[in-house]
Protein backbone atom coordinates (compact mmCIF):
# COMPACT_ATOMS: atom_id res chain seq x y z
CA MET A 1 226.16 372.99 187.54
CA ALA A 2 224.59 373.53 190.94
CA SER A 3 221.40 371.72 189.86
CA THR A 4 223.47 368.76 188.67
CA GLU A 5 225.26 368.49 192.04
CA THR A 6 221.93 368.81 193.86
CA LYS A 7 220.48 366.01 191.74
CA ALA A 8 223.53 363.79 192.41
CA THR A 9 223.23 364.43 196.15
CA ARG A 10 219.52 363.63 196.02
CA ASP A 11 220.26 360.37 194.15
CA ASP A 12 222.93 359.41 196.72
CA LEU A 13 220.51 360.02 199.58
CA ALA A 14 217.84 358.01 197.81
CA GLY A 15 220.27 355.14 197.30
CA LEU A 16 221.30 355.27 200.95
CA GLU A 17 217.67 355.26 202.05
CA ALA A 18 216.94 352.30 199.81
CA GLY A 19 219.89 350.41 201.26
CA LEU A 20 218.73 351.08 204.81
CA ASP A 21 215.22 349.95 203.90
CA ALA A 22 216.68 346.75 202.47
CA LEU A 23 218.55 346.11 205.70
CA ASP A 24 215.39 346.68 207.70
CA ALA A 25 213.56 344.25 205.45
CA VAL A 26 215.97 341.37 206.11
CA ASP A 27 214.03 338.43 207.51
CA VAL A 28 215.46 337.50 210.90
CA ARG A 29 212.52 335.39 212.02
CA ARG A 30 213.07 332.32 214.15
CA SER A 31 213.19 329.07 212.24
CA PRO A 32 210.39 326.59 213.01
CA VAL A 33 211.40 323.61 215.13
CA ARG A 34 210.67 321.22 212.27
CA GLU A 35 212.93 323.21 209.93
CA ILE A 36 215.73 323.19 212.51
CA LEU A 37 215.38 319.44 212.94
CA VAL A 38 215.51 318.83 209.20
CA LYS A 39 218.40 321.19 208.44
CA LYS A 40 220.50 320.84 211.59
CA THR A 41 219.73 317.43 213.11
CA LEU A 42 218.99 315.18 210.16
CA PRO A 43 222.32 315.59 208.29
CA PRO A 44 224.56 314.59 211.24
CA VAL A 45 222.18 311.73 212.12
CA LEU A 46 222.42 310.43 208.56
CA ALA A 47 226.21 310.82 208.65
CA VAL A 48 226.43 308.82 211.89
CA ALA A 49 224.13 306.15 210.47
CA LEU A 50 226.37 305.92 207.39
CA VAL A 51 229.50 305.53 209.54
CA LEU A 52 227.85 302.81 211.62
CA ALA A 53 226.69 301.01 208.47
CA VAL A 54 230.20 301.07 207.00
CA TRP A 55 231.59 299.92 210.36
CA GLN A 56 229.25 296.94 210.50
CA LEU A 57 229.85 296.14 206.82
CA LEU A 58 233.62 295.99 207.36
CA VAL A 59 233.16 293.63 210.30
CA SER A 60 230.56 291.42 208.61
CA ALA A 61 232.60 291.13 205.39
CA GLY A 62 235.69 290.14 207.34
CA VAL A 63 237.71 293.04 205.95
CA THR A 64 239.15 293.64 209.41
CA GLU A 65 239.65 291.40 212.40
CA GLU A 66 237.47 291.73 215.49
CA ASN A 67 240.54 292.36 217.66
CA LYS A 68 241.12 295.53 215.62
CA LEU A 69 237.56 296.71 214.99
CA PRO A 70 234.92 295.20 217.28
CA PRO A 71 231.40 294.54 215.98
CA LEU A 72 228.71 297.03 216.89
CA THR A 73 226.92 294.37 218.93
CA ALA A 74 229.95 294.05 221.22
CA VAL A 75 230.04 297.82 221.81
CA TRP A 76 226.29 297.78 222.45
CA ASP A 77 226.75 294.94 224.95
CA SER A 78 229.35 297.02 226.81
CA LEU A 79 226.93 299.95 226.91
CA SER A 80 224.07 297.76 228.12
CA ASP A 81 226.27 296.21 230.80
CA MET A 82 227.20 299.65 232.17
CA TRP A 83 223.56 300.69 232.11
CA VAL A 84 222.43 297.58 234.00
CA LYS A 85 225.16 298.08 236.62
CA GLY A 86 224.11 301.73 237.01
CA THR A 87 227.59 303.09 236.24
CA LEU A 88 226.92 304.71 232.85
CA VAL A 89 225.32 307.93 234.09
CA GLU A 90 227.78 308.18 236.97
CA VAL A 91 230.80 307.91 234.67
CA ILE A 92 229.41 310.52 232.26
CA TRP A 93 228.44 312.92 235.05
CA THR A 94 231.87 312.66 236.69
CA SER A 95 233.53 313.99 233.55
CA VAL A 96 230.78 316.45 232.56
CA SER A 97 230.67 318.05 236.02
CA ARG A 98 234.44 318.45 236.04
CA GLY A 99 234.46 319.84 232.52
CA LEU A 100 231.69 322.38 233.12
CA LEU A 101 233.08 323.55 236.46
CA GLY A 102 236.55 323.88 234.96
CA PHE A 103 235.11 325.81 232.03
CA LEU A 104 233.26 328.22 234.36
CA LEU A 105 236.50 328.84 236.27
CA ALA A 106 238.31 329.44 232.96
CA LEU A 107 235.51 331.83 231.95
CA ALA A 108 235.88 333.80 235.20
CA ILE A 109 239.63 334.13 234.65
CA GLY A 110 239.85 334.41 230.86
CA THR A 111 237.23 337.16 230.45
CA PRO A 112 238.87 339.87 232.60
CA LEU A 113 242.28 338.77 231.32
CA GLY A 114 241.10 339.21 227.73
CA LEU A 115 239.66 342.65 228.51
CA LEU A 116 242.92 343.68 230.12
CA VAL A 117 245.03 342.46 227.21
CA ALA A 118 242.74 344.09 224.64
CA ARG A 119 242.52 347.50 226.35
CA VAL A 120 246.00 348.01 227.84
CA LYS A 121 248.80 348.21 225.28
CA PHE A 122 251.59 347.37 227.72
CA VAL A 123 249.77 344.27 228.95
CA ARG A 124 249.11 343.17 225.37
CA ALA A 125 252.78 343.57 224.49
CA ALA A 126 253.81 341.61 227.58
CA ILE A 127 251.17 338.86 227.79
CA GLY A 128 249.66 338.66 224.30
CA PRO A 129 252.41 336.48 222.76
CA ILE A 130 252.38 334.24 225.84
CA LEU A 131 248.63 333.64 225.51
CA GLN A 132 249.08 332.78 221.83
CA GLY A 133 251.84 330.35 222.72
CA LEU A 134 249.84 328.73 225.51
CA GLN A 135 246.88 328.25 223.16
CA SER A 136 249.07 326.34 220.70
CA LEU A 137 250.65 324.20 223.46
CA PRO A 138 249.02 320.74 223.71
CA SER A 139 247.08 320.44 226.96
CA VAL A 140 248.56 317.01 227.64
CA ALA A 141 251.91 318.71 228.27
CA TRP A 142 250.50 320.22 231.49
CA VAL A 143 249.50 316.88 233.03
CA PRO A 144 252.94 315.80 234.37
CA PRO A 145 253.74 319.12 236.12
CA ALA A 146 250.18 319.36 237.45
CA VAL A 147 250.52 315.89 238.99
CA LEU A 148 253.82 316.90 240.60
CA TRP A 149 252.32 320.16 241.92
CA PHE A 150 249.04 318.86 243.33
CA GLY A 151 249.09 315.07 243.22
CA LEU A 152 246.26 312.92 241.87
CA ASN A 153 243.22 314.99 242.84
CA ASP A 154 240.64 317.35 241.37
CA ALA A 155 242.96 320.34 241.78
CA MET A 156 245.28 318.74 239.24
CA MET A 157 242.37 318.22 236.84
CA PHE A 158 241.17 321.82 237.10
CA THR A 159 244.71 323.14 236.65
CA VAL A 160 245.06 321.30 233.34
CA ILE A 161 241.62 322.54 232.22
CA LEU A 162 242.42 326.15 233.12
CA LEU A 163 245.78 326.13 231.36
CA GLY A 164 244.09 324.76 228.26
CA ALA A 165 240.93 326.89 228.20
CA VAL A 166 241.88 330.31 229.63
CA PRO A 167 244.16 331.33 226.72
CA SER A 168 241.48 330.37 224.19
CA ILE A 169 238.74 332.38 225.93
CA ALA A 170 241.01 335.38 226.44
CA ASN A 171 242.24 335.34 222.83
CA GLY A 172 238.66 335.04 221.58
CA LEU A 173 237.63 338.15 223.51
CA VAL A 174 240.72 340.03 222.34
CA SER A 175 239.93 339.14 218.73
CA GLY A 176 236.31 340.25 219.17
CA ILE A 177 237.35 343.60 220.69
CA ASP A 178 239.89 344.19 217.93
CA GLN A 179 237.07 343.91 215.38
CA VAL A 180 234.86 346.51 217.08
CA PRO A 181 234.52 349.50 214.67
CA PRO A 182 236.28 352.61 216.06
CA LEU A 183 233.10 354.55 215.28
CA TYR A 184 231.31 352.66 218.08
CA LEU A 185 233.98 353.64 220.58
CA ARG A 186 233.88 357.31 219.54
CA ALA A 187 230.08 357.35 219.69
CA GLY A 188 230.22 355.78 223.14
CA ARG A 189 232.68 358.38 224.41
CA THR A 190 230.51 361.14 222.97
CA LEU A 191 227.55 359.79 224.94
CA GLY A 192 229.60 359.58 228.12
CA ALA A 193 230.36 355.83 228.02
CA THR A 194 234.00 355.91 229.14
CA GLY A 195 236.05 353.65 231.38
CA ILE A 196 234.09 350.75 232.88
CA LYS A 197 230.84 352.10 231.39
CA GLY A 198 232.36 352.10 227.93
CA VAL A 199 233.60 348.54 228.35
CA TRP A 200 230.25 347.27 229.70
CA HIS A 201 227.88 349.14 227.37
CA VAL A 202 229.93 349.42 224.16
CA VAL A 203 232.99 347.18 223.94
CA VAL A 204 231.65 343.89 225.31
CA PRO A 205 228.30 343.97 223.43
CA ALA A 206 230.05 344.85 220.17
CA ALA A 207 232.63 342.08 220.69
CA LEU A 208 230.07 339.38 221.53
CA PRO A 209 230.28 337.42 218.23
CA GLY A 210 234.04 336.96 218.59
CA TYR A 211 233.69 336.34 222.32
CA VAL A 212 231.11 333.58 221.80
CA ALA A 213 233.39 331.97 219.21
CA GLY A 214 236.14 332.04 221.83
CA LEU A 215 233.79 330.43 224.35
CA LYS A 216 233.04 327.57 221.95
CA GLN A 217 236.72 327.02 221.41
CA GLY A 218 237.34 327.35 225.14
CA TRP A 219 234.85 324.54 225.85
CA ALA A 220 236.56 322.35 223.23
CA PHE A 221 239.91 322.98 224.92
CA SER A 222 238.40 322.31 228.35
CA TRP A 223 236.98 318.97 227.26
CA ARG A 224 240.17 317.90 225.50
CA SER A 225 242.30 318.94 228.47
CA LEU A 226 240.10 317.02 230.89
CA MET A 227 240.20 313.85 228.79
CA ALA A 228 244.00 314.05 228.56
CA ALA A 229 244.25 314.46 232.34
CA GLU A 230 241.84 311.61 233.06
CA ILE A 231 243.62 309.23 230.68
CA ILE A 232 247.14 309.91 231.93
CA ALA A 233 246.47 310.47 235.64
CA SER A 234 244.15 307.58 236.49
CA SER A 235 243.52 306.93 240.17
CA PRO A 236 240.70 305.32 242.20
CA ASP A 237 240.64 308.48 244.34
CA LEU A 238 239.59 310.54 241.32
CA GLY A 239 236.51 308.48 240.56
CA LEU A 240 235.72 306.85 237.22
CA GLY A 241 235.33 309.34 234.38
CA LEU A 242 235.24 308.85 230.63
CA GLY A 243 239.00 309.23 230.33
CA GLN A 244 239.62 306.61 233.02
CA LEU A 245 237.05 304.37 231.30
CA LEU A 246 239.07 304.59 228.08
CA GLU A 247 242.33 303.84 229.89
CA ASN A 248 240.79 300.92 231.78
CA GLY A 249 239.63 299.45 228.47
CA ARG A 250 243.17 299.64 227.14
CA ASN A 251 244.65 298.06 230.26
CA ASN A 252 242.10 295.23 230.18
CA ILE A 253 242.52 294.73 226.39
CA ASP A 254 238.78 295.42 226.10
CA LEU A 255 238.45 296.84 222.59
CA PRO A 256 234.63 297.22 222.71
CA GLY A 257 235.04 299.13 225.97
CA VAL A 258 237.66 301.37 224.35
CA PHE A 259 235.39 302.19 221.41
CA LEU A 260 232.46 302.77 223.76
CA ALA A 261 234.51 305.30 225.75
CA ILE A 262 235.57 307.08 222.54
CA ILE A 263 231.96 307.28 221.35
CA LEU A 264 230.74 308.61 224.71
CA ILE A 265 233.49 311.26 224.78
CA LEU A 266 232.53 312.36 221.27
CA VAL A 267 228.78 312.37 221.99
CA VAL A 268 229.11 314.40 225.21
CA GLY A 269 231.37 316.99 223.58
CA ILE A 270 229.01 317.43 220.63
CA ALA A 271 225.92 317.49 222.87
CA ILE A 272 227.27 320.30 225.06
CA ASP A 273 228.11 322.33 221.98
CA LEU A 274 224.69 321.78 220.39
CA LEU A 275 222.70 322.39 223.57
CA ILE A 276 224.58 325.41 224.93
CA PHE A 277 227.02 327.12 222.61
CA SER A 278 225.34 326.77 219.21
CA PRO A 279 222.01 328.27 220.44
CA LEU A 280 223.95 331.06 222.17
CA GLU A 281 225.87 331.80 218.98
CA ARG A 282 222.68 331.82 216.89
CA TYR A 283 221.01 334.19 219.37
CA VAL A 284 223.93 336.63 219.25
CA LEU A 285 224.14 336.56 215.47
CA ARG A 286 220.37 336.83 215.02
CA SER A 287 220.15 339.79 217.38
CA ARG A 288 222.65 341.62 215.17
CA GLY A 289 220.96 340.70 211.89
CA LEU A 290 223.90 338.48 210.94
CA LEU A 291 221.86 335.27 210.83
CA VAL A 292 219.46 335.47 207.91
CA THR A 293 216.76 332.86 207.54
CA SER A 294 216.01 332.07 203.91
């Protein structure tokens, strides 16, 4: 009987050791640049090319009128005209600089707020439902009160961005902390990582995947909030951003200009995600063995 139990224990240990060896053997190498380009860049490029081809086909076949869907050449002419006048980069930078600065402010506010909500039960009970409600509230709803509070200036823009992005970042961090295994917290306390040390060395690193997901969503909310504010609260004092460009196209009945603004808004939002947040997310996942390269 005793020999049987010893053999079973030995088999269990052997199975555990084999499982750990398999985990160690997981290939987490970096993908070559060419492989990344083929797998990550080529599919969306082909999708965009397909959309543009269908767009041009609809116009050329006369399926839709040009006052409803402008030809690609007209949109290209609008882009070329802005480039020649030297306003294209300025318009894009006006919105991008506002969006990034607003996002950094939201990051500085949402991160400690998320930690507080996640770690203090009373604060979670009091503020948690409010953060969830604010995240579901459309950002455009904050534009009228922000205009009344601050007038047509950058403070109004940043207020709308903060109210849209802070709840998303805070909720992302709370979700990440909630998924931290209790074993990590107990091990940290055993090693003396309590209080601020425990948060810095155990909680935040373990919650990084959820936190980064919250950051990606926070940027999306920041960009959407900014565009809503720029479209509704247009003013010469604010400078010409992508949202104002879209609104000006509508006011001037310039359909190619409207579609150009929409395309630029889409391209900038995707570019920021691909250049900043997607690499950050891959790094975090790869460092934890969660991103396996086949």
